[in-house]
Amino acid sequence: MAGRKNKERADGLRGMSDADLAKELNDAYRQLFTVRLRLSTRQQTNTTERAKVRRQIARIRTLQRERELAAAYAALTVGKQA
């Protein structure tokens, strides 16, 4: 069941444009900062929130890297065909 949720999250991110992904990444970093601040000042007791945000950041960065590699590969294969 948990695997399906993660796939749905990743599929939702895959549908976003590069600019939307960059914005989402920036928002996630801001959220991570907020969660860390709240945990350190003991305003928040849910310690799993930090891990969830970090996983979200990892998902977004992975998708950005996949797109970067796909673009580089496409440029390389187009250069060889010409």
C-alpha atoms as a PDB file:
ATOM      1  CA  MET A   1       0.000   0.000   0.000  1.00  0.00           C
ATOM      2  CA  ALA A   2       2.768   2.445   0.873  1.00  0.00           C
ATOM      3  CA  GLY A   3       4.467   1.730  -2.442  1.00  0.00           C
ATOM      4  CA  ARG A   4       1.393   2.813  -4.352  1.00  0.00           C
ATOM      5  CA  LYS A   5       1.264   6.135  -2.494  1.00  0.00           C
ATOM      6  CA  ASN A   6       4.882   6.853  -3.359  1.00  0.00           C
ATOM      7  CA  LYS A   7       4.245   6.031  -7.005  1.00  0.00           C
ATOM      8  CA  GLU A   8       1.271   8.377  -7.052  1.00  0.00           C
ATOM      9  CA  ARG A   9       3.398  11.165  -5.557  1.00  0.00           C
ATOM     10  CA  ALA A  10       6.117  10.610  -8.140  1.00  0.00           C
ATOM     11  CA  ASP A  11       3.580  10.489 -10.970  1.00  0.00           C
ATOM     12  CA  GLY A  12       2.122  13.785  -9.778  1.00  0.00           C
ATOM     13  CA  LEU A  13       5.583  15.334  -9.873  1.00  0.00           C
ATOM     14  CA  ARG A  14       6.362  13.857 -13.301  1.00  0.00           C
ATOM     15  CA  GLY A  15       3.436  15.770 -14.772  1.00  0.00           C
ATOM     16  CA  MET A  16       4.949  19.099 -13.712  1.00  0.00           C
ATOM     17  CA  SER A  17       7.074  21.338 -15.892  1.00  0.00           C
ATOM     18  CA  ASP A  18      10.694  22.130 -15.028  1.00  0.00           C
ATOM     19  CA  ALA A  19       9.726  25.538 -13.659  1.00  0.00           C
ATOM     20  CA  ASP A  20       6.994  24.009 -11.494  1.00  0.00           C
ATOM     21  CA  LEU A  21       9.446  21.433 -10.167  1.00  0.00           C
ATOM     22  CA  ALA A  22      11.936  24.166  -9.279  1.00  0.00           C
ATOM     23  CA  LYS A  23       9.206  26.060  -7.439  1.00  0.00           C
ATOM     24  CA  GLU A  24       8.111  22.905  -5.631  1.00  0.00           C
ATOM     25  CA  LEU A  25      11.718  22.228  -4.621  1.00  0.00           C
ATOM     26  CA  ASN A  26      12.084  25.745  -3.256  1.00  0.00           C
ATOM     27  CA  ASP A  27       8.848  25.331  -1.286  1.00  0.00           C
ATOM     28  CA  ALA A  28      10.041  21.998   0.094  1.00  0.00           C
ATOM     29  CA  TYR A  29      13.324  23.525   1.277  1.00  0.00           C
ATOM     30  CA  ARG A  30      11.377  26.301   2.997  1.00  0.00           C
ATOM     31  CA  GLN A  31       9.114  23.736   4.614  1.00  0.00           C
ATOM     32  CA  LEU A  32      12.152  21.750   5.796  1.00  0.00           C
ATOM     33  CA  PHE A  33      13.581  24.876   7.395  1.00  0.00           C
ATOM     34  CA  THR A  34      10.279  25.561   9.143  1.00  0.00           C
ATOM     35  CA  VAL A  35       9.974  21.987  10.400  1.00  0.00           C
ATOM     36  CA  ARG A  36      13.552  21.986  11.688  1.00  0.00           C
ATOM     37  CA  LEU A  37      12.987  25.292  13.464  1.00  0.00           C
ATOM     38  CA  ARG A  38       9.764  24.085  15.079  1.00  0.00           C
ATOM     39  CA  LEU A  39      11.381  20.836  16.186  1.00  0.00           C
ATOM     40  CA  SER A  40      14.345  22.636  17.715  1.00  0.00           C
ATOM     41  CA  THR A  41      12.104  25.042  19.633  1.00  0.00           C
ATOM     42  CA  ARG A  42       9.821  22.146  20.641  1.00  0.00           C
ATOM     43  CA  GLN A  43       6.775  23.714  19.031  1.00  0.00           C
ATOM     44  CA  GLN A  44       6.284  20.540  17.030  1.00  0.00           C
ATOM     45  CA  THR A  45       6.490  16.998  18.342  1.00  0.00           C
ATOM     46  CA  ASN A  46       5.924  15.070  15.106  1.00  0.00           C
ATOM     47  CA  THR A  47       9.491  14.081  14.258  1.00  0.00           C
ATOM     48  CA  THR A  48       8.489  12.106  11.166  1.00  0.00           C
ATOM     49  CA  GLU A  49       7.547  15.320   9.357  1.00  0.00           C
ATOM     50  CA  ARG A  50      11.229  16.139   8.816  1.00  0.00           C
ATOM     51  CA  ALA A  51      11.832  12.790   7.117  1.00  0.00           C
ATOM     52  CA  LYS A  52       8.751  13.221   4.916  1.00  0.00           C
ATOM     53  CA  VAL A  53       9.938  16.608   3.690  1.00  0.00           C
ATOM     54  CA  ARG A  54      13.446  15.280   3.056  1.00  0.00           C
ATOM     55  CA  ARG A  55      12.008  12.411   0.989  1.00  0.00           C
ATOM     56  CA  GLN A  56       9.943  14.890  -1.014  1.00  0.00           C
ATOM     57  CA  ILE A  57      13.093  16.911  -1.731  1.00  0.00           C
ATOM     58  CA  ALA A  58      14.869  13.727  -2.827  1.00  0.00           C
ATOM     59  CA  ARG A  59      11.987  12.833  -5.175  1.00  0.00           C
ATOM     60  CA  ILE A  60      12.051  16.245  -6.810  1.00  0.00           C
ATOM     61  CA  ARG A  61      15.834  16.298  -7.205  1.00  0.00           C
ATOM     62  CA  THR A  62      15.766  12.787  -8.667  1.00  0.00           C
ATOM     63  CA  LEU A  63      13.219  13.837 -11.287  1.00  0.00           C
ATOM     64  CA  GLN A  64      15.263  16.919 -12.146  1.00  0.00           C
ATOM     65  CA  ARG A  65      18.355  14.749 -12.596  1.00  0.00           C
ATOM     66  CA  GLU A  66      16.447  12.244 -14.736  1.00  0.00           C
ATOM     67  CA  ARG A  67      15.339  15.058 -17.028  1.00  0.00           C
ATOM     68  CA  GLU A  68      18.844  16.482 -17.168  1.00  0.00           C
ATOM     69  CA  LEU A  69      20.301  13.118 -18.157  1.00  0.00           C
ATOM     70  CA  ALA A  70      17.541  12.489 -20.706  1.00  0.00           C
ATOM     71  CA  ALA A  71      18.231  15.862 -22.335  1.00  0.00           C
ATOM     72  CA  ALA A  72      21.972  15.181 -22.437  1.00  0.00           C
ATOM     73  CA  TYR A  73      21.396  11.747 -23.934  1.00  0.00           C
ATOM     74  CA  ALA A  74      19.022  13.148 -26.544  1.00  0.00           C
ATOM     75  CA  ALA A  75      21.552  15.815 -27.499  1.00  0.00           C
ATOM     76  CA  LEU A  76      24.278  13.184 -27.754  1.00  0.00           C
ATOM     77  CA  THR A  77      22.258  10.831 -29.947  1.00  0.00           C
ATOM     78  CA  VAL A  78      21.096  13.667 -32.220  1.00  0.00           C
ATOM     79  CA  GLY A  79      24.724  14.753 -32.657  1.00  0.00           C
ATOM     80  CA  LYS A  80      25.771  11.225 -33.697  1.00  0.00           C
ATOM     81  CA  GLN A  81      22.979  10.858 -36.270  1.00  0.00           C
ATOM     82  CA  ALA A  82      23.835  14.068 -38.080  1.00  0.00           C
END
